[in-house]
Amino acid sequence: MAERKVIAVFGATGAQGGGLARAIIADPEQRFSVRAITRDASSAQARELSRLGAEVAVADVDDEQGIERALRGAYGAFFITFFWHHLSPGRETTEARSFAVAARASDVQHAIWSTLEDSRRWMPLSDQRMPTLQGKYKVPHMDGKGESDHLFSDFGVPTTFLRTSLYWESLISFGLGPRPGPDGQLVFAWPMADKMAPGIASEDIGRCALGIFKQGPRLIGKTIGLAAEYLTGAQMAEAFTRALGREVRHQGVTPEAFRALGFRGAESLGNMFQFQRDFEDYWHAARSVASSRSLNPALQSFAVWLDRNKGRFPLS
C-alpha cells in the first residue's frame, strides 16, 4: 500500500480545520493522513483528534519558524487565520505572509488558503452606503483575508483559494438563532431583506477541502467558492419552524440595526450582510452549490443540518 501523503491542517481544533481533519481521518480511500496543528496539544479537541488517529503537532501562527517546522515533510497544507480571536485584519495579513513564506521554504506541493473577498473592490472606502470600520476596512473579517491572497502567489506557493460561506454553526456561536419575542413567540431576525444568503455546514467545508486535495494540481491557482444552499430569512424561519416544532416568525432587520446590536463583531457582520444583500448576484455567481456537491457528495441542506443540530439552539 502506497504511503499516505501528509496534510498539515492549521486550525485543526476549530470549525473549518476540524472539519477537514475529521474528513481525512474518515475518508475510506485513505489517500492522506492528517497532521493536526494546534497551539495547545492538551486541549480536549486535540486529544480527540489524536485518539482518532491524527498526528498532533504544536505551532503558533504568529511564529513563522514554528509554522515551517510543522510543515516539514507535508505534501499539503490547509491555512486559515483567526479574525474572531483578535478582530485584527492587519494581524491576519501578517499571519498569511508567515504561512506563505513557510510553505515556500517547506516545499508544500498543494496549499489551500481559506479566504474571503476584499469587499472594498465592490464597496470602496469612499462609498457612504456602508460605514468604514477600523479606519480602512468595510468588512474587516473579510478584507484582511482577501487582500492577503496575492502573498501566496507572490511567494510561488501552489495554492487553491477557498472562499467559504457563512457556516450555519455561526447561528449558534453568535446567538443569531430564533429568540422569544415580547409575546413569547420565537422570532428569527435576519438582516438580508428578501435576498438569499449562501450558507454551509462547517464540516462540509472540511469535506470540500478534502475533495480539492484529491483533485490536486487541477485546482492549483483556482478560486473555489462554497455554498450548500441559498436561503432567504423567511425560508430559514420556515426551516426552524419544522425542525423545532414551534412557529418561528421571520423578522427583517436593517444592517444598521444589526450593527447597533453591540455584541463583539456586530459591525463587521452587519457590513458583511449588507455586502451580500447589495451584491446578491455576485455571491450567487461566486459560490456554486453544484461544484460544492461535486467536491463533497454528502453536502447537507440547511434542513438536514438543522435537524441534526436543533438541540444546540438556546430558545429562552
C-alpha atoms as a PDB file:
ATOM      1  CA  MET A   1       0.000   0.000   0.000  1.00  0.00           C
ATOM      2  CA  ALA A   2       1.338   3.416  -1.006  1.00  0.00           C
ATOM      3  CA  GLU A   3       2.405   5.705   1.810  1.00  0.00           C
ATOM      4  CA  ARG A   4      -0.256   8.276   2.567  1.00  0.00           C
ATOM      5  CA  LYS A   5       0.541  11.920   1.872  1.00  0.00           C
ATOM      6  CA  VAL A   6       0.518  14.195   4.903  1.00  0.00           C
ATOM      7  CA  ILE A   7      -1.846  17.170   5.025  1.00  0.00           C
ATOM      8  CA  ALA A   8      -0.920  19.734   7.683  1.00  0.00           C
ATOM      9  CA  VAL A   9      -4.141  21.329   8.939  1.00  0.00           C
ATOM     10  CA  PHE A  10      -3.930  24.634  10.779  1.00  0.00           C
ATOM     11  CA  GLY A  11      -6.899  25.418  12.976  1.00  0.00           C
ATOM     12  CA  ALA A  12      -7.482  21.685  13.344  1.00  0.00           C
ATOM     13  CA  THR A  13      -9.375  22.153  16.599  1.00  0.00           C
ATOM     14  CA  GLY A  14     -11.646  24.806  15.068  1.00  0.00           C
ATOM     15  CA  ALA A  15     -14.638  24.640  12.756  1.00  0.00           C
ATOM     16  CA  GLN A  16     -13.143  24.528   9.243  1.00  0.00           C
ATOM     17  CA  GLY A  17      -9.844  22.885  10.107  1.00  0.00           C
ATOM     18  CA  GLY A  18     -11.550  20.404  12.394  1.00  0.00           C
ATOM     19  CA  GLY A  19     -13.971  19.506   9.626  1.00  0.00           C
ATOM     20  CA  LEU A  20     -11.072  18.791   7.272  1.00  0.00           C
ATOM     21  CA  ALA A  21      -9.113  16.805   9.873  1.00  0.00           C
ATOM     22  CA  ARG A  22     -12.097  14.566  10.582  1.00  0.00           C
ATOM     23  CA  ALA A  23     -12.846  14.200   6.876  1.00  0.00           C
ATOM     24  CA  ILE A  24      -9.300  12.981   6.190  1.00  0.00           C
ATOM     25  CA  ILE A  25      -9.470  10.509   9.074  1.00  0.00           C
ATOM     26  CA  ALA A  26     -12.875   9.167   7.979  1.00  0.00           C
ATOM     27  CA  ASP A  27     -12.082   9.010   4.252  1.00  0.00           C
ATOM     28  CA  PRO A  28     -12.447   5.372   3.103  1.00  0.00           C
ATOM     29  CA  GLU A  29      -9.844   5.921   0.385  1.00  0.00           C
ATOM     30  CA  GLN A  30      -7.183   6.776   2.998  1.00  0.00           C
ATOM     31  CA  ARG A  31      -5.115   8.722   0.471  1.00  0.00           C
ATOM     32  CA  PHE A  32      -3.935  11.227   3.073  1.00  0.00           C
ATOM     33  CA  SER A  33      -3.009  11.372   6.724  1.00  0.00           C
ATOM     34  CA  VAL A  34      -3.608  14.433   8.871  1.00  0.00           C
ATOM     35  CA  ARG A  35      -1.142  16.433  10.887  1.00  0.00           C
ATOM     36  CA  ALA A  36      -3.355  18.489  13.181  1.00  0.00           C
ATOM     37  CA  ILE A  37      -1.661  21.792  14.007  1.00  0.00           C
ATOM     38  CA  THR A  38      -2.738  23.418  17.256  1.00  0.00           C
ATOM     39  CA  ARG A  39      -1.388  25.801  19.855  1.00  0.00           C
ATOM     40  CA  ASP A  40      -2.496  23.506  22.664  1.00  0.00           C
ATOM     41  CA  ALA A  41      -1.994  19.759  22.251  1.00  0.00           C
ATOM     42  CA  SER A  42      -3.568  19.181  25.664  1.00  0.00           C
ATOM     43  CA  SER A  43      -6.978  20.566  24.677  1.00  0.00           C
ATOM     44  CA  ALA A  44      -9.932  18.199  24.558  1.00  0.00           C
ATOM     45  CA  GLN A  45     -10.287  18.699  20.805  1.00  0.00           C
ATOM     46  CA  ALA A  46      -6.614  17.921  20.162  1.00  0.00           C
ATOM     47  CA  ARG A  47      -6.733  14.833  22.358  1.00  0.00           C
ATOM     48  CA  GLU A  48      -9.818  13.607  20.500  1.00  0.00           C
ATOM     49  CA  LEU A  49      -8.114  14.050  17.119  1.00  0.00           C
ATOM     50  CA  SER A  50      -5.119  12.110  18.426  1.00  0.00           C
ATOM     51  CA  ARG A  51      -7.437   9.346  19.620  1.00  0.00           C
ATOM     52  CA  LEU A  52      -8.978   9.178  16.150  1.00  0.00           C
ATOM     53  CA  GLY A  53      -5.560   8.737  14.565  1.00  0.00           C
ATOM     54  CA  ALA A  54      -4.286  12.216  13.756  1.00  0.00           C
ATOM     55  CA  GLU A  55      -0.696  13.269  14.287  1.00  0.00           C
ATOM     56  CA  VAL A  56      -0.909  16.308  16.576  1.00  0.00           C
ATOM     57  CA  ALA A  57       1.766  18.981  16.271  1.00  0.00           C
ATOM     58  CA  VAL A  58       2.151  22.257  18.148  1.00  0.00           C
ATOM     59  CA  ALA A  59       2.712  25.564  16.349  1.00  0.00           C
ATOM     60  CA  ASP A  60       1.645  29.170  16.780  1.00  0.00           C
ATOM     61  CA  VAL A  61       0.512  31.088  13.709  1.00  0.00           C
ATOM     62  CA  ASP A  62       2.498  34.082  14.972  1.00  0.00           C
ATOM     63  CA  ASP A  63       5.737  32.059  14.841  1.00  0.00           C
ATOM     64  CA  GLU A  64       6.977  31.716  11.261  1.00  0.00           C
ATOM     65  CA  GLN A  65       9.731  29.270  12.162  1.00  0.00           C
ATOM     66  CA  GLY A  66       7.261  27.178  14.151  1.00  0.00           C
ATOM     67  CA  ILE A  67       4.962  27.067  11.114  1.00  0.00           C
ATOM     68  CA  GLU A  68       7.841  25.899   8.946  1.00  0.00           C
ATOM     69  CA  ARG A  69       8.715  23.121  11.396  1.00  0.00           C
ATOM     70  CA  ALA A  70       5.088  21.985  11.433  1.00  0.00           C
ATOM     71  CA  LEU A  71       5.088  21.802   7.619  1.00  0.00           C
ATOM     72  CA  ARG A  72       8.237  19.718   7.204  1.00  0.00           C
ATOM     73  CA  GLY A  73       7.543  16.596   5.194  1.00  0.00           C
ATOM     74  CA  ALA A  74       3.942  17.571   4.451  1.00  0.00           C
ATOM     75  CA  TYR A  75       2.558  17.233   0.940  1.00  0.00           C
ATOM     76  CA  GLY A  76      -0.258  19.705   1.519  1.00  0.00           C
ATOM     77  CA  ALA A  77      -1.415  22.338   3.961  1.00  0.00           C
ATOM     78  CA  PHE A  78      -4.685  23.964   4.936  1.00  0.00           C
ATOM     79  CA  PHE A  79      -4.176  27.547   6.075  1.00  0.00           C
ATOM     80  CA  ILE A  80      -6.700  29.627   7.981  1.00  0.00           C
ATOM     81  CA  THR A  81      -6.455  32.752  10.126  1.00  0.00           C
ATOM     82  CA  PHE A  82      -8.450  33.547  13.237  1.00  0.00           C
ATOM     83  CA  PHE A  83     -10.031  37.006  12.995  1.00  0.00           C
ATOM     84  CA  TRP A  84     -12.573  36.390  15.728  1.00  0.00           C
ATOM     85  CA  HIS A  85      -9.795  35.741  18.263  1.00  0.00           C
ATOM     86  CA  HIS A  86      -8.324  39.227  17.898  1.00  0.00           C
ATOM     87  CA  LEU A  87     -10.502  41.266  15.464  1.00  0.00           C
ATOM     88  CA  SER A  88      -7.393  42.481  13.601  1.00  0.00           C
ATOM     89  CA  PRO A  89      -7.278  42.313   9.768  1.00  0.00           C
ATOM     90  CA  GLY A  90      -3.677  43.530   9.870  1.00  0.00           C
ATOM     91  CA  ARG A  91      -2.688  40.612  12.043  1.00  0.00           C
ATOM     92  CA  GLU A  92      -4.382  38.255   9.581  1.00  0.00           C
ATOM     93  CA  THR A  93      -2.255  39.679   6.776  1.00  0.00           C
ATOM     94  CA  THR A  94       0.897  39.138   8.847  1.00  0.00           C
ATOM     95  CA  GLU A  95      -0.155  35.541   9.562  1.00  0.00           C
ATOM     96  CA  ALA A  96      -0.923  34.906   5.891  1.00  0.00           C
ATOM     97  CA  ARG A  97       2.535  36.129   4.949  1.00  0.00           C
ATOM     98  CA  SER A  98       4.082  33.785   7.501  1.00  0.00           C
ATOM     99  CA  PHE A  99       2.079  30.907   6.051  1.00  0.00           C
ATOM    100  CA  ALA A 100       3.218  31.720   2.518  1.00  0.00           C
ATOM    101  CA  VAL A 101       6.897  32.111   3.458  1.00  0.00           C
ATOM    102  CA  ALA A 102       6.897  28.872   5.467  1.00  0.00           C
ATOM    103  CA  ALA A 103       5.052  26.948   2.742  1.00  0.00           C
ATOM    104  CA  ARG A 104       7.598  28.006   0.160  1.00  0.00           C
ATOM    105  CA  ALA A 105      10.511  27.096   2.432  1.00  0.00           C
ATOM    106  CA  SER A 106       8.928  23.706   3.192  1.00  0.00           C
ATOM    107  CA  ASP A 107       8.202  22.879  -0.459  1.00  0.00           C
ATOM    108  CA  VAL A 108       4.489  22.313   0.159  1.00  0.00           C
ATOM    109  CA  GLN A 109       3.054  20.926  -3.082  1.00  0.00           C
ATOM    110  CA  HIS A 110      -0.567  21.981  -2.576  1.00  0.00           C
ATOM    111  CA  ALA A 111      -1.891  24.616  -0.194  1.00  0.00           C
ATOM    112  CA  ILE A 112      -5.476  25.627   0.447  1.00  0.00           C
ATOM    113  CA  TRP A 113      -5.881  29.165   1.731  1.00  0.00           C
ATOM    114  CA  SER A 114      -9.274  29.739   3.399  1.00  0.00           C
ATOM    115  CA  THR A 115     -10.097  33.248   2.324  1.00  0.00           C
ATOM    116  CA  LEU A 116     -12.903  35.684   1.561  1.00  0.00           C
ATOM    117  CA  GLU A 117     -13.440  38.604  -0.758  1.00  0.00           C
ATOM    118  CA  ASP A 118     -11.907  42.009  -0.144  1.00  0.00           C
ATOM    119  CA  SER A 119     -15.233  43.861  -0.088  1.00  0.00           C
ATOM    120  CA  ARG A 120     -13.548  47.171  -0.948  1.00  0.00           C
ATOM    121  CA  ARG A 121     -13.385  46.043  -4.579  1.00  0.00           C
ATOM    122  CA  TRP A 122     -17.175  46.410  -4.633  1.00  0.00           C
ATOM    123  CA  MET A 123     -17.674  48.953  -1.856  1.00  0.00           C
ATOM    124  CA  PRO A 124     -14.723  51.388  -1.781  1.00  0.00           C
ATOM    125  CA  LEU A 125     -13.945  53.352   1.338  1.00  0.00           C
ATOM    126  CA  SER A 126     -15.440  56.459  -0.286  1.00  0.00           C
ATOM    127  CA  ASP A 127     -18.842  54.733  -0.589  1.00  0.00           C
ATOM    128  CA  GLN A 128     -21.006  56.131   2.193  1.00  0.00           C
ATOM    129  CA  ARG A 129     -23.689  53.430   1.921  1.00  0.00           C
ATOM    130  CA  MET A 130     -21.653  51.328   4.340  1.00  0.00           C
ATOM    131  CA  PRO A 131     -19.605  52.645   7.284  1.00  0.00           C
ATOM    132  CA  THR A 132     -15.835  52.286   7.181  1.00  0.00           C
ATOM    133  CA  LEU A 133     -14.511  50.286  10.132  1.00  0.00           C
ATOM    134  CA  GLN A 134     -11.128  50.376  11.863  1.00  0.00           C
ATOM    135  CA  GLY A 135     -10.170  53.291   9.625  1.00  0.00           C
ATOM    136  CA  LYS A 136      -9.617  51.381   6.376  1.00  0.00           C
ATOM    137  CA  TYR A 137     -11.953  48.408   6.036  1.00  0.00           C
ATOM    138  CA  LYS A 138     -15.546  47.836   5.039  1.00  0.00           C
ATOM    139  CA  VAL A 139     -15.867  44.223   6.201  1.00  0.00           C
ATOM    140  CA  PRO A 140     -12.798  43.679   8.393  1.00  0.00           C
ATOM    141  CA  HIS A 141     -13.145  39.904   8.801  1.00  0.00           C
ATOM    142  CA  MET A 142     -13.249  39.575   5.017  1.00  0.00           C
ATOM    143  CA  ASP A 143     -10.974  42.338   3.757  1.00  0.00           C
ATOM    144  CA  GLY A 144      -7.826  41.264   5.605  1.00  0.00           C
ATOM    145  CA  LYS A 145      -8.068  37.790   4.108  1.00  0.00           C
ATOM    146  CA  GLY A 146      -8.864  38.988   0.605  1.00  0.00           C
ATOM    147  CA  GLU A 147      -6.024  41.495   0.475  1.00  0.00           C
ATOM    148  CA  SER A 148      -3.640  38.701   1.531  1.00  0.00           C
ATOM    149  CA  ASP A 149      -4.420  36.373  -1.373  1.00  0.00           C
ATOM    150  CA  HIS A 150      -1.599  37.734  -3.513  1.00  0.00           C
ATOM    151  CA  LEU A 151       1.009  36.724  -0.919  1.00  0.00           C
ATOM    152  CA  PHE A 152       0.661  33.046  -1.789  1.00  0.00           C
ATOM    153  CA  SER A 153       1.074  33.783  -5.483  1.00  0.00           C
ATOM    154  CA  ASP A 154       3.907  36.238  -4.851  1.00  0.00           C
ATOM    155  CA  PHE A 155       5.865  33.595  -2.944  1.00  0.00           C
ATOM    156  CA  GLY A 156       5.182  30.923  -5.557  1.00  0.00           C
ATOM    157  CA  VAL A 157       3.082  28.677  -3.303  1.00  0.00           C
ATOM    158  CA  PRO A 158       0.881  26.258  -5.330  1.00  0.00           C
ATOM    159  CA  THR A 159      -2.429  27.335  -3.843  1.00  0.00           C
ATOM    160  CA  THR A 160      -6.162  26.823  -4.205  1.00  0.00           C
ATOM    161  CA  PHE A 161      -8.083  29.799  -2.856  1.00  0.00           C
ATOM    162  CA  LEU A 162     -11.135  28.597  -0.941  1.00  0.00           C
ATOM    163  CA  ARG A 163     -13.910  31.120  -0.412  1.00  0.00           C
ATOM    164  CA  THR A 164     -16.378  29.907   2.152  1.00  0.00           C
ATOM    165  CA  SER A 165     -19.905  30.980   3.052  1.00  0.00           C
ATOM    166  CA  LEU A 166     -21.366  31.760   6.444  1.00  0.00           C
ATOM    167  CA  TYR A 167     -21.308  28.426   8.188  1.00  0.00           C
ATOM    168  CA  TRP A 168     -24.528  27.644   9.926  1.00  0.00           C
ATOM    169  CA  GLU A 169     -22.786  26.934  13.229  1.00  0.00           C
ATOM    170  CA  SER A 170     -22.341  30.717  13.397  1.00  0.00           C
ATOM    171  CA  LEU A 171     -26.068  30.985  14.023  1.00  0.00           C
ATOM    172  CA  ILE A 172     -25.318  29.226  17.314  1.00  0.00           C
ATOM    173  CA  SER A 173     -21.963  30.728  18.258  1.00  0.00           C
ATOM    174  CA  PHE A 174     -23.058  34.326  17.553  1.00  0.00           C
ATOM    175  CA  GLY A 175     -26.519  33.840  19.038  1.00  0.00           C
ATOM    176  CA  LEU A 176     -28.285  34.590  15.748  1.00  0.00           C
ATOM    177  CA  GLY A 177     -30.879  31.834  16.021  1.00  0.00           C
ATOM    178  CA  PRO A 178     -34.546  32.240  16.992  1.00  0.00           C
ATOM    179  CA  ARG A 179     -35.306  34.148  20.191  1.00  0.00           C
ATOM    180  CA  PRO A 180     -38.569  34.661  22.098  1.00  0.00           C
ATOM    181  CA  GLY A 181     -40.261  37.968  21.323  1.00  0.00           C
ATOM    182  CA  PRO A 182     -42.266  40.034  23.846  1.00  0.00           C
ATOM    183  CA  ASP A 183     -45.268  37.759  23.270  1.00  0.00           C
ATOM    184  CA  GLY A 184     -43.180  34.608  23.762  1.00  0.00           C
ATOM    185  CA  GLN A 185     -43.274  33.623  20.089  1.00  0.00           C
ATOM    186  CA  LEU A 186     -39.935  32.680  18.572  1.00  0.00           C
ATOM    187  CA  VAL A 187     -38.544  35.313  16.207  1.00  0.00           C
ATOM    188  CA  PHE A 188     -35.728  34.875  13.688  1.00  0.00           C
ATOM    189  CA  ALA A 189     -34.257  38.307  12.945  1.00  0.00           C
ATOM    190  CA  TRP A 190     -32.242  38.399   9.723  1.00  0.00           C
ATOM    191  CA  PRO A 191     -30.635  41.450   8.043  1.00  0.00           C
ATOM    192  CA  MET A 192     -30.902  40.420   4.381  1.00  0.00           C
ATOM    193  CA  ALA A 193     -34.362  41.739   3.386  1.00  0.00           C
ATOM    194  CA  ASP A 194     -35.693  39.296   0.759  1.00  0.00           C
ATOM    195  CA  LYS A 195     -32.250  38.373  -0.576  1.00  0.00           C
ATOM    196  CA  MET A 196     -30.795  34.875  -0.474  1.00  0.00           C
ATOM    197  CA  ALA A 197     -27.697  34.244   1.644  1.00  0.00           C
ATOM    198  CA  PRO A 198     -25.259  31.393   0.923  1.00  0.00           C
ATOM    199  CA  GLY A 199     -24.611  29.003   3.796  1.00  0.00           C
ATOM    200  CA  ILE A 200     -22.912  25.718   4.562  1.00  0.00           C
ATOM    201  CA  ALA A 201     -22.113  23.424   7.487  1.00  0.00           C
ATOM    202  CA  SER A 202     -18.535  23.750   8.734  1.00  0.00           C
ATOM    203  CA  GLU A 203     -17.938  20.005   8.459  1.00  0.00           C
ATOM    204  CA  ASP A 204     -18.931  20.233   4.793  1.00  0.00           C
ATOM    205  CA  ILE A 205     -16.302  22.920   4.256  1.00  0.00           C
ATOM    206  CA  GLY A 206     -13.794  20.354   5.510  1.00  0.00           C
ATOM    207  CA  ARG A 207     -15.139  17.654   3.208  1.00  0.00           C
ATOM    208  CA  CYS A 208     -14.998  20.028   0.234  1.00  0.00           C
ATOM    209  CA  ALA A 209     -11.400  20.899   1.134  1.00  0.00           C
ATOM    210  CA  LEU A 210     -10.561  17.192   1.100  1.00  0.00           C
ATOM    211  CA  GLY A 211     -12.172  16.990  -2.353  1.00  0.00           C
ATOM    212  CA  ILE A 212      -9.866  19.797  -3.507  1.00  0.00           C
ATOM    213  CA  PHE A 213      -6.787  17.971  -2.244  1.00  0.00           C
ATOM    214  CA  LYS A 214      -7.957  14.839  -4.070  1.00  0.00           C
ATOM    215  CA  GLN A 215      -8.157  16.742  -7.351  1.00  0.00           C
ATOM    216  CA  GLY A 216      -4.639  18.025  -6.747  1.00  0.00           C
ATOM    217  CA  PRO A 217      -2.859  20.047  -9.450  1.00  0.00           C
ATOM    218  CA  ARG A 218      -6.047  20.599 -11.466  1.00  0.00           C
ATOM    219  CA  LEU A 219      -7.252  23.119  -8.897  1.00  0.00           C
ATOM    220  CA  ILE A 220      -3.962  24.873  -8.119  1.00  0.00           C
ATOM    221  CA  GLY A 221      -4.310  28.547  -8.923  1.00  0.00           C
ATOM    222  CA  LYS A 222      -8.100  28.318  -8.918  1.00  0.00           C
ATOM    223  CA  THR A 223     -10.563  30.133  -6.650  1.00  0.00           C
ATOM    224  CA  ILE A 224     -13.322  27.855  -5.384  1.00  0.00           C
ATOM    225  CA  GLY A 225     -16.456  29.276  -3.763  1.00  0.00           C
ATOM    226  CA  LEU A 226     -18.504  27.032  -1.488  1.00  0.00           C
ATOM    227  CA  ALA A 227     -22.207  27.015  -0.639  1.00  0.00           C
ATOM    228  CA  ALA A 228     -24.633  24.261   0.253  1.00  0.00           C
ATOM    229  CA  GLU A 229     -27.797  26.298  -0.141  1.00  0.00           C
ATOM    230  CA  TYR A 230     -29.070  29.833  -0.746  1.00  0.00           C
ATOM    231  CA  LEU A 231     -31.929  30.865   1.535  1.00  0.00           C
ATOM    232  CA  THR A 232     -33.907  33.943   2.455  1.00  0.00           C
ATOM    233  CA  GLY A 233     -34.547  34.765   6.084  1.00  0.00           C
ATOM    234  CA  ALA A 234     -38.188  33.728   5.628  1.00  0.00           C
ATOM    235  CA  GLN A 235     -37.124  30.330   4.282  1.00  0.00           C
ATOM    236  CA  MET A 236     -34.749  29.845   7.196  1.00  0.00           C
ATOM    237  CA  ALA A 237     -37.556  30.698   9.630  1.00  0.00           C
ATOM    238  CA  GLU A 238     -39.758  28.077   7.938  1.00  0.00           C
ATOM    239  CA  ALA A 239     -36.979  25.502   8.338  1.00  0.00           C
ATOM    240  CA  PHE A 240     -36.653  26.406  12.031  1.00  0.00           C
ATOM    241  CA  THR A 241     -40.421  26.009  12.452  1.00  0.00           C
ATOM    242  CA  ARG A 242     -40.339  22.487  11.000  1.00  0.00           C
ATOM    243  CA  ALA A 243     -37.244  21.422  12.956  1.00  0.00           C
ATOM    244  CA  LEU A 244     -38.247  22.873  16.325  1.00  0.00           C
ATOM    245  CA  GLY A 245     -41.947  22.030  16.154  1.00  0.00           C
ATOM    246  CA  ARG A 246     -42.733  25.618  17.170  1.00  0.00           C
ATOM    247  CA  GLU A 247     -43.681  28.512  14.964  1.00  0.00           C
ATOM    248  CA  VAL A 248     -40.741  30.777  14.211  1.00  0.00           C
ATOM    249  CA  ARG A 249     -41.610  34.179  12.774  1.00  0.00           C
ATOM    250  CA  HIS A 250     -39.197  35.884  10.392  1.00  0.00           C
ATOM    251  CA  GLN A 251     -38.417  39.475  11.230  1.00  0.00           C
ATOM    252  CA  GLY A 252     -36.396  41.576   8.838  1.00  0.00           C
ATOM    253  CA  VAL A 253     -33.880  43.959  10.370  1.00  0.00           C
ATOM    254  CA  THR A 254     -31.715  46.509   8.628  1.00  0.00           C
ATOM    255  CA  PRO A 255     -27.921  46.215   8.542  1.00  0.00           C
ATOM    256  CA  GLU A 256     -27.875  49.481  10.509  1.00  0.00           C
ATOM    257  CA  ALA A 257     -29.929  47.923  13.287  1.00  0.00           C
ATOM    258  CA  PHE A 258     -27.795  44.777  13.217  1.00  0.00           C
ATOM    259  CA  ARG A 259     -24.570  46.787  13.510  1.00  0.00           C
ATOM    260  CA  ALA A 260     -26.027  48.514  16.571  1.00  0.00           C
ATOM    261  CA  LEU A 261     -26.678  45.256  18.466  1.00  0.00           C
ATOM    262  CA  GLY A 262     -23.396  45.747  20.288  1.00  0.00           C
ATOM    263  CA  PHE A 263     -22.063  42.222  20.510  1.00  0.00           C
ATOM    264  CA  ARG A 264     -18.422  41.536  19.659  1.00  0.00           C
ATOM    265  CA  GLY A 265     -18.046  41.721  15.871  1.00  0.00           C
ATOM    266  CA  ALA A 266     -21.573  43.019  15.199  1.00  0.00           C
ATOM    267  CA  GLU A 267     -20.364  45.872  12.981  1.00  0.00           C
ATOM    268  CA  SER A 268     -18.251  43.623  10.770  1.00  0.00           C
ATOM    269  CA  LEU A 269     -21.036  41.048  10.450  1.00  0.00           C
ATOM    270  CA  GLY A 270     -23.602  43.763   9.744  1.00  0.00           C
ATOM    271  CA  ASN A 271     -21.451  45.086   6.907  1.00  0.00           C
ATOM    272  CA  MET A 272     -20.996  41.544   5.583  1.00  0.00           C
ATOM    273  CA  PHE A 273     -24.749  41.020   5.447  1.00  0.00           C
ATOM    274  CA  GLN A 274     -25.175  44.362   3.671  1.00  0.00           C
ATOM    275  CA  PHE A 275     -22.498  43.365   1.152  1.00  0.00           C
ATOM    276  CA  GLN A 276     -24.299  40.082   0.490  1.00  0.00           C
ATOM    277  CA  ARG A 277     -27.659  41.843   0.240  1.00  0.00           C
ATOM    278  CA  ASP A 278     -26.499  44.570  -2.117  1.00  0.00           C
ATOM    279  CA  PHE A 279     -24.432  42.265  -4.356  1.00  0.00           C
ATOM    280  CA  GLU A 280     -26.610  39.152  -4.322  1.00  0.00           C
ATOM    281  CA  ASP A 281     -25.945  38.345  -7.993  1.00  0.00           C
ATOM    282  CA  TYR A 282     -22.205  38.308  -7.439  1.00  0.00           C
ATOM    283  CA  TRP A 283     -22.467  35.944  -4.464  1.00  0.00           C
ATOM    284  CA  HIS A 284     -24.627  33.534  -6.450  1.00  0.00           C
ATOM    285  CA  ALA A 285     -22.101  33.515  -9.283  1.00  0.00           C
ATOM    286  CA  ALA A 286     -19.091  33.115  -6.973  1.00  0.00           C
ATOM    287  CA  ARG A 287     -20.367  30.176  -4.904  1.00  0.00           C
ATOM    288  CA  SER A 288     -21.756  27.188  -6.739  1.00  0.00           C
ATOM    289  CA  VAL A 289     -23.833  24.586  -4.922  1.00  0.00           C
ATOM    290  CA  ALA A 290     -23.299  22.138  -7.790  1.00  0.00           C
ATOM    291  CA  SER A 291     -19.498  22.420  -7.740  1.00  0.00           C
ATOM    292  CA  SER A 292     -19.509  22.187  -3.930  1.00  0.00           C
ATOM    293  CA  ARG A 293     -21.504  18.964  -4.196  1.00  0.00           C
ATOM    294  CA  SER A 294     -19.083  17.613  -6.795  1.00  0.00           C
ATOM    295  CA  LEU A 295     -16.304  18.046  -4.232  1.00  0.00           C
ATOM    296  CA  ASN A 296     -18.455  16.664  -1.418  1.00  0.00           C
ATOM    297  CA  PRO A 297     -21.361  14.428  -2.449  1.00  0.00           C
ATOM    298  CA  ALA A 298     -22.515  14.297   1.198  1.00  0.00           C
ATOM    299  CA  LEU A 299     -23.261  18.047   1.205  1.00  0.00           C
ATOM    300  CA  GLN A 300     -26.030  18.798   3.734  1.00  0.00           C
ATOM    301  CA  SER A 301     -29.005  21.050   3.170  1.00  0.00           C
ATOM    302  CA  PHE A 302     -29.928  23.561   5.858  1.00  0.00           C
ATOM    303  CA  ALA A 303     -32.911  21.413   6.857  1.00  0.00           C
ATOM    304  CA  VAL A 304     -30.731  18.325   7.314  1.00  0.00           C
ATOM    305  CA  TRP A 305     -28.084  20.226   9.253  1.00  0.00           C
ATOM    306  CA  LEU A 306     -30.750  21.884  11.396  1.00  0.00           C
ATOM    307  CA  ASP A 307     -32.408  18.583  12.251  1.00  0.00           C
ATOM    308  CA  ARG A 308     -29.033  17.311  13.484  1.00  0.00           C
ATOM    309  CA  ASN A 309     -28.230  20.462  15.467  1.00  0.00           C
ATOM    310  CA  LYS A 310     -31.589  21.842  16.642  1.00  0.00           C
ATOM    311  CA  GLY A 311     -30.862  20.911  20.250  1.00  0.00           C
ATOM    312  CA  ARG A 312     -27.908  23.297  20.314  1.00  0.00           C
ATOM    313  CA  PHE A 313     -30.030  26.428  19.935  1.00  0.00           C
ATOM    314  CA  PRO A 314     -30.921  28.212  23.204  1.00  0.00           C
ATOM    315  CA  LEU A 315     -34.598  29.166  22.933  1.00  0.00           C
ATOM    316  CA  SER A 316     -35.052  31.148  26.119  1.00  0.00           C
END
